[in-house]
Protein backbone atom coordinates (compact mmCIF):
# COMPACT_ATOMS: atom_id res chain seq x y z
CA UNK A 1 -56.65 -3.89 109.92
CA UNK A 2 -53.21 -3.48 108.40
CA UNK A 3 -51.04 -4.44 111.35
CA UNK A 4 -51.13 -5.64 114.94
CA UNK A 5 -48.24 -5.13 117.32
CA UNK A 6 -47.80 -7.02 120.56
CA UNK A 7 -45.55 -6.26 123.53
CA UNK A 8 -44.99 -4.91 126.98
CA UNK A 9 -44.99 -1.19 127.62
CA UNK A 10 -41.88 0.40 129.04
CA UNK A 11 -41.09 3.85 130.28
CA UNK A 12 -37.67 4.80 129.02
CA UNK A 13 -35.52 7.76 130.01
CA UNK A 14 -33.62 9.84 127.49
CA UNK A 15 -30.09 10.47 128.76
CA UNK A 16 -29.59 14.08 129.80
CA UNK A 17 -27.17 16.16 131.81
CA UNK A 18 -27.92 14.07 134.89
CA UNK A 19 -28.18 10.33 135.17
CA UNK A 20 -31.64 8.88 134.45
CA UNK A 21 -33.29 12.15 133.49
CA UNK A 22 -35.72 13.44 130.86
CA UNK A 23 -38.60 11.02 130.61
CA UNK A 24 -39.31 9.64 127.20
CA UNK A 25 -42.92 10.42 126.48
CA UNK A 26 -43.77 7.53 126.48
CA UNK A 27 -41.50 4.54 125.84
CA UNK A 28 -41.72 0.98 124.63
CA UNK A 29 -40.43 -0.38 121.34
CA UNK A 30 -43.68 -2.18 120.39
CA UNK A 31 -45.77 0.88 121.24
CA UNK A 32 -43.47 3.19 119.30
CA UNK A 33 -43.45 0.84 116.31
CA UNK A 34 -47.27 0.78 116.38
CA UNK A 35 -47.44 4.58 116.47
CA UNK A 36 -44.82 4.87 113.72
CA UNK A 37 -46.94 2.65 111.48
CA UNK A 38 -50.10 4.58 112.36
CA UNK A 39 -48.36 7.87 111.56
CA UNK A 40 -47.56 6.35 108.19
CA UNK A 41 -51.24 5.91 107.42
CA UNK A 42 -51.76 2.27 108.43
CA UNK A 43 -54.68 0.94 110.44
CA UNK A 44 -52.90 -0.41 113.53
CA UNK A 45 -53.97 -2.22 116.69
CA UNK A 46 -51.95 -3.29 119.71
CA UNK A 47 -52.15 -6.16 122.16
CA UNK A 48 -50.74 -5.14 125.52
CA UNK A 49 -51.58 -5.05 129.19
CA UNK A 50 -51.57 -1.71 130.93
CA UNK A 51 -52.09 -1.15 134.62
CA UNK A 52 -54.73 1.07 136.17
CA UNK A 53 -52.17 3.66 137.16
CA UNK A 54 -51.21 7.16 136.03
CA UNK A 55 -48.95 5.96 133.23
CA UNK A 56 -51.40 3.34 132.04
CA UNK A 57 -54.12 5.97 131.71
CA UNK A 58 -51.74 8.42 130.07
CA UNK A 59 -50.46 5.89 127.56
CA UNK A 60 -53.94 4.67 126.65
CA UNK A 61 -54.96 8.21 125.73
CA UNK A 62 -51.68 8.98 123.97
CA UNK A 63 -51.79 5.93 121.75
CA UNK A 64 -55.44 6.61 120.90
CA UNK A 65 -54.49 10.18 119.97
CA UNK A 66 -52.04 8.76 117.42
CA UNK A 67 -54.60 6.34 116.00
CA UNK A 68 -53.51 3.04 117.58
CA UNK A 69 -56.36 0.81 118.73
CA UNK A 70 -55.88 -1.05 122.00
CA UNK A 71 -57.16 -4.58 121.37
CA UNK A 72 -56.91 -5.77 124.98
CA UNK A 73 -58.52 -4.42 128.16
CA UNK A 74 -57.14 -0.91 128.42
CA UNK A 75 -56.74 -0.78 132.19
CA UNK A 76 -56.34 -3.81 134.42
CA UNK A 77 -56.16 -3.73 138.19
CA UNK A 78 -53.98 -6.83 138.40
CA UNK A 79 -51.36 -5.37 136.07
CA UNK A 80 -49.13 -2.41 136.76
CA UNK A 81 -47.39 -0.65 133.91
CA UNK A 82 -43.80 -1.76 133.58
CA UNK A 83 -40.95 0.72 133.84
CA UNK A 84 -37.39 0.48 132.58
CA UNK A 85 -34.99 3.14 133.81
CA UNK A 86 -32.02 3.95 131.63
CA UNK A 87 -28.88 5.49 133.08
CA UNK A 88 -26.16 6.96 130.87
CA UNK A 89 -22.55 6.84 132.03
CA UNK A 90 -19.52 8.60 130.58
CA UNK A 91 -18.52 7.10 127.26
CA UNK A 92 -22.06 6.30 126.26
CA UNK A 93 -22.50 3.18 128.42
CA UNK A 94 -26.07 2.52 129.51
CA UNK A 95 -27.54 0.42 132.30
CA UNK A 96 -31.14 -0.75 132.43
CA UNK A 97 -33.06 -1.18 135.66
CA UNK A 98 -36.24 -3.15 135.10
CA UNK A 99 -38.89 -2.37 137.72
CA UNK A 100 -42.43 -3.45 138.41
CA UNK A 101 -44.51 -3.37 141.55
CA UNK A 102 -44.55 -6.60 143.60
CA UNK A 103 -47.01 -9.12 142.24
CA UNK A 104 -47.68 -7.23 139.02
CA UNK A 105 -48.69 -9.40 136.08
CA UNK A 106 -47.74 -7.77 132.79
CA UNK A 107 -48.03 -10.92 130.73
CA UNK A 108 -50.69 -11.06 128.09
CA UNK A 109 -53.05 -13.96 128.61
CA UNK A 110 -53.98 -16.51 125.96
CA UNK A 111 -57.62 -15.35 126.07
CA UNK A 112 -56.50 -11.77 125.26
CA UNK A 113 -55.62 -12.84 121.71
CA UNK A 114 -58.63 -12.86 119.39
CA UNK A 115 -58.32 -15.03 116.28
CA UNK A 116 -60.68 -12.73 114.40
CA UNK A 117 -58.26 -9.83 114.97
CA UNK A 118 -55.44 -11.88 113.49
CA UNK A 119 -57.61 -13.01 110.59
CA UNK A 120 -58.46 -9.42 109.71
CA UNK A 121 -54.90 -8.10 109.69
CA UNK A 122 -52.05 -8.29 107.22
CA UNK A 123 -49.05 -8.23 109.55
CA UNK A 124 -48.29 -9.20 113.13
CA UNK A 125 -45.35 -7.46 114.78
CA UNK A 126 -43.94 -8.69 118.09
CA UNK A 127 -40.90 -7.93 120.19
CA UNK A 128 -38.77 -9.97 122.55
CA UNK A 129 -39.95 -7.53 125.22
CA UNK A 130 -43.34 -9.23 124.92
CA UNK A 131 -41.61 -12.47 125.88
CA UNK A 132 -39.80 -11.19 128.96
CA UNK A 133 -41.00 -14.17 131.00
CA UNK A 134 -39.39 -16.50 128.51
CA UNK A 135 -41.32 -19.72 127.92
CA UNK A 136 -44.21 -18.42 130.04
CA UNK A 137 -45.06 -15.87 127.32
CA UNK A 138 -47.82 -18.13 126.02
CA UNK A 139 -49.94 -15.40 124.45
CA UNK A 140 -47.11 -13.96 122.36
CA UNK A 141 -46.06 -17.39 121.12
CA UNK A 142 -49.68 -18.29 120.33
CA UNK A 143 -50.25 -15.06 118.39
CA UNK A 144 -47.08 -15.52 116.34
CA UNK A 145 -47.81 -19.15 115.49
CA UNK A 146 -51.48 -18.49 114.72
CA UNK A 147 -50.71 -15.55 112.44
CA UNK A 148 -48.15 -17.70 110.63
CA UNK A 149 -50.69 -20.51 110.18
CA UNK A 150 -53.13 -17.98 108.72
CA UNK A 151 -50.56 -16.97 106.12
CA UNK A 152 -50.02 -13.50 107.59
CA UNK A 153 -46.69 -11.71 107.56
CA UNK A 154 -44.93 -12.01 110.92
CA UNK A 155 -42.29 -9.44 111.92
CA UNK A 156 -40.19 -9.84 115.06
CA UNK A 157 -37.88 -7.34 116.74
CA UNK A 158 -35.12 -8.79 118.90
CA UNK A 159 -34.95 -6.12 121.55
CA UNK A 160 -32.69 -7.74 124.09
CA UNK A 161 -32.07 -6.31 127.54
CA UNK A 162 -30.25 -8.63 129.90
CA UNK A 163 -31.99 -7.41 133.04
CA UNK A 164 -35.42 -8.28 131.60
CA UNK A 165 -34.35 -11.91 131.62
CA UNK A 166 -33.03 -11.84 135.20
CA UNK A 167 -29.43 -11.74 133.98
CA UNK A 168 -29.77 -15.09 132.22
CA UNK A 169 -27.82 -14.53 129.02
CA UNK A 170 -29.26 -17.61 127.34
CA UNK A 171 -32.95 -17.38 128.28
CA UNK A 172 -33.91 -14.70 125.76
CA UNK A 173 -31.95 -16.32 122.94
CA UNK A 174 -33.54 -19.71 123.59
CA UNK A 175 -37.06 -18.22 123.69
CA UNK A 176 -36.45 -16.34 120.45
CA UNK A 177 -35.15 -19.47 118.71
CA UNK A 178 -38.46 -21.13 119.52
CA UNK A 179 -40.45 -18.63 117.45
CA UNK A 180 -38.01 -18.04 114.57
CA UNK A 181 -39.59 -20.74 112.34
CA UNK A 182 -42.75 -18.60 112.26
CA UNK A 183 -41.04 -15.28 111.47
CA UNK A 184 -40.83 -13.66 108.02
CA UNK A 185 -39.11 -10.36 108.82
CA UNK A 186 -36.58 -10.32 111.67
CA UNK A 187 -35.04 -7.15 113.07
CA UNK A 188 -31.76 -7.16 114.98
CA UNK A 189 -29.43 -4.38 116.02
CA UNK A 190 -25.68 -4.18 115.89
CA UNK A 191 -25.60 -4.88 119.64
CA UNK A 192 -27.93 -7.87 119.44
CA UNK A 193 -26.67 -9.63 116.30
CA UNK A 194 -24.75 -12.03 118.55
CA UNK A 195 -28.09 -13.57 119.56
CA UNK A 196 -28.23 -15.28 116.17
CA UNK A 197 -24.56 -16.16 116.12
CA UNK A 198 -23.12 -13.00 114.61
CA UNK A 199 -23.13 -11.48 111.11
CA UNK A 200 -21.36 -14.45 109.57
CA UNK A 201 -24.18 -16.72 110.73
CA UNK A 202 -27.12 -14.69 109.37
CA UNK A 203 -27.69 -16.63 106.16
CA UNK A 204 -27.35 -19.94 107.98
CA UNK A 205 -30.03 -18.85 110.47
CA UNK A 206 -32.30 -17.68 107.65
CA UNK A 207 -32.00 -21.05 105.90
CA UNK A 208 -32.41 -23.05 109.10
CA UNK A 209 -35.56 -21.25 110.23
CA UNK A 210 -37.00 -20.22 106.86
CA UNK A 211 -36.75 -16.48 107.55
CA UNK A 212 -37.42 -14.30 104.51
CA UNK A 213 -35.39 -11.23 105.47
CA UNK A 214 -33.19 -10.13 108.37
CA UNK A 215 -32.93 -6.38 108.90
CA UNK A 216 -29.98 -5.05 110.87
CA UNK A 217 -30.19 -1.55 112.32
CA UNK A 218 -26.86 0.00 113.15
CA UNK A 219 -27.11 2.49 115.98
CA UNK A 220 -28.66 5.29 113.94
CA UNK A 221 -26.17 4.90 111.09
CA UNK A 222 -28.61 3.34 108.66
CA UNK A 223 -29.46 -0.31 108.11
CA UNK A 224 -28.73 -3.41 106.07
CA UNK A 225 -30.96 -6.26 104.96
CA UNK A 226 -30.09 -9.89 104.33
CA UNK A 227 -32.16 -11.52 101.57
CA UNK A 228 -31.65 -14.46 99.19
CA UNK A 229 -27.97 -14.78 100.06
CA UNK A 230 -27.23 -11.08 99.59
CA UNK A 231 -26.58 -8.27 102.04
CA UNK A 232 -28.43 -5.16 100.86
CA UNK A 233 -27.48 -1.66 101.95
CA UNK A 234 -28.74 1.76 100.95
CA UNK A 235 -27.27 5.13 101.92
CA UNK A 236 -28.11 5.97 105.51
CA UNK A 237 -28.27 9.22 107.41
CA UNK A 238 -25.86 9.71 110.27
CA UNK A 239 -27.40 9.93 113.73
CA UNK A 240 -25.60 10.28 117.05
CA UNK A 241 -26.17 6.93 118.81
CA UNK A 242 -26.39 8.50 122.29
CA UNK A 243 -29.30 10.65 121.11
CA UNK A 244 -30.92 7.85 119.13
CA UNK A 245 -33.64 6.89 121.62
CA UNK A 246 -36.62 5.92 119.48
CA UNK A 247 -34.60 6.00 116.26
CA UNK A 248 -34.75 2.21 115.85
CA UNK A 249 -38.50 2.19 116.49
CA UNK A 250 -39.00 4.94 113.91
CA UNK A 251 -36.92 2.96 111.42
CA UNK A 252 -38.76 -0.29 112.03
CA UNK A 253 -42.24 1.24 111.96
CA UNK A 254 -41.43 3.08 108.75
CA UNK A 255 -39.86 -0.02 107.23
CA UNK A 256 -42.93 -2.17 107.93
CA UNK A 257 -45.27 0.57 106.72
CA UNK A 258 -43.33 0.76 103.46
CA UNK A 259 -43.46 -3.03 103.00
CA UNK A 260 -47.26 -3.01 103.40
CA UNK A 261 -47.66 0.11 101.28
CA UNK A 262 -45.96 -1.70 98.42
CA UNK A 263 -48.74 -4.28 98.38
CA UNK A 264 -47.01 -7.12 100.18
CA UNK A 265 -49.60 -9.57 101.51
CA UNK A 266 -47.53 -12.72 101.94
CA UNK A 267 -43.89 -13.76 102.15
CA UNK A 268 -43.64 -14.63 98.47
CA UNK A 269 -44.49 -11.05 97.51
CA UNK A 270 -41.26 -9.70 98.99
CA UNK A 271 -38.57 -8.79 96.48
CA UNK A 272 -35.17 -7.16 96.72
CA UNK A 273 -36.57 -3.91 95.25
CA UNK A 274 -39.33 -3.81 97.89
CA UNK A 275 -36.75 -4.30 100.63
CA UNK A 276 -34.44 -1.61 99.24
CA UNK A 277 -37.29 0.89 99.17
CA UNK A 278 -38.38 -0.07 102.68
CA UNK A 279 -34.84 0.31 104.04
CA UNK A 280 -34.47 3.73 102.45
CA UNK A 281 -37.83 4.75 103.88
CA UNK A 282 -36.94 3.41 107.32
CA UNK A 283 -33.54 5.12 107.30
CA UNK A 284 -35.18 8.49 106.71
CA UNK A 285 -37.78 7.72 109.37
CA UNK A 286 -35.06 7.09 111.94
CA UNK A 287 -33.17 10.19 110.85
CA UNK A 288 -36.32 12.33 111.15
CA UNK A 289 -36.95 10.98 114.65
CA UNK A 290 -33.48 11.90 115.83
CA UNK A 291 -34.12 15.57 115.02
CA UNK A 292 -36.80 15.77 117.73
CA UNK A 293 -36.46 14.26 121.19
CA UNK A 294 -39.58 13.07 122.92
CA UNK A 295 -40.60 9.52 122.05
CA UNK A 296 -43.88 9.21 120.19
CA UNK A 297 -44.18 12.87 119.29
CA UNK A 298 -40.79 12.58 117.58
CA UNK A 299 -41.86 9.69 115.35
CA UNK A 300 -42.24 11.09 111.82
CA UNK A 301 -45.31 11.05 109.62
CA UNK A 302 -45.44 9.64 106.12
CA UNK A 303 -45.47 13.19 104.71
CA UNK A 304 -42.29 14.12 106.62
CA UNK A 305 -40.45 11.03 105.41
CA UNK A 306 -41.52 11.50 101.81
CA UNK A 307 -40.50 15.18 101.91
CA UNK A 308 -36.94 14.17 102.85
CA UNK A 309 -36.87 11.40 100.24
CA UNK A 310 -38.02 13.83 97.56
CA UNK A 311 -35.18 16.20 98.44
CA UNK A 312 -32.70 13.34 98.27
CA UNK A 313 -33.75 12.63 94.70
């Protein structure tokens, strides 16, 4: 298997003419990243817990349709699929309401993670959404550490939403710091860069935790990468941030697919040229996604991305 992604599943709403309208079909950064990689020709599996409800059944089928293997029990009676409702206010401000039925257990369990799955993959991708219970997210922490011990690439997406952490501004940051020593490729956004102390602190964080590359996505305006003391940028494609739901997932999935496509098997294989190509590929992936609203169906294929890149040349 080329890649495994791990995380909670969220339903997200695309802002429309009314507040909290137009369901994203379906949502969840880890799920979208998994589908984006699968659409780019990678063999991808996902660790998640989905409830035995309408959305859980829908999402299981949808992800299978796009070629993502579910590596955990597909439907569990004790878990109910998590929902995050997004409301857009004038000026582009968003609020997030995190909802789950009383008593629902969306946390992956330690026994859900199979060492043989990790052994047979090249890259593990996780998100801070998969750690939304903070230090209780034992399975996510185990998977990240184990993959690191096995010499696999570990990619982590800081996808911070305050409400997920019960309005504790420090809980998410502290949990993330605990896994940074095991991360090779770290993704942050322009809104979340403060979680690692701001842009001026990036290289210090990389040195402190041994991170190979930090990728910063910038609200649909392209991306930058920090590597070996240098900030790398490539021309981006302008996207309207308000309409950019899924754009970051398309970028990140395309970026990781490009890294693996270039033959990277371990941290030492990563070079500045590989990162430049991956950023360019991811930028186009995000730009392609923004042209079509609708979550997973909007995530571009490898052929679509390469068609745009060919025209750019």
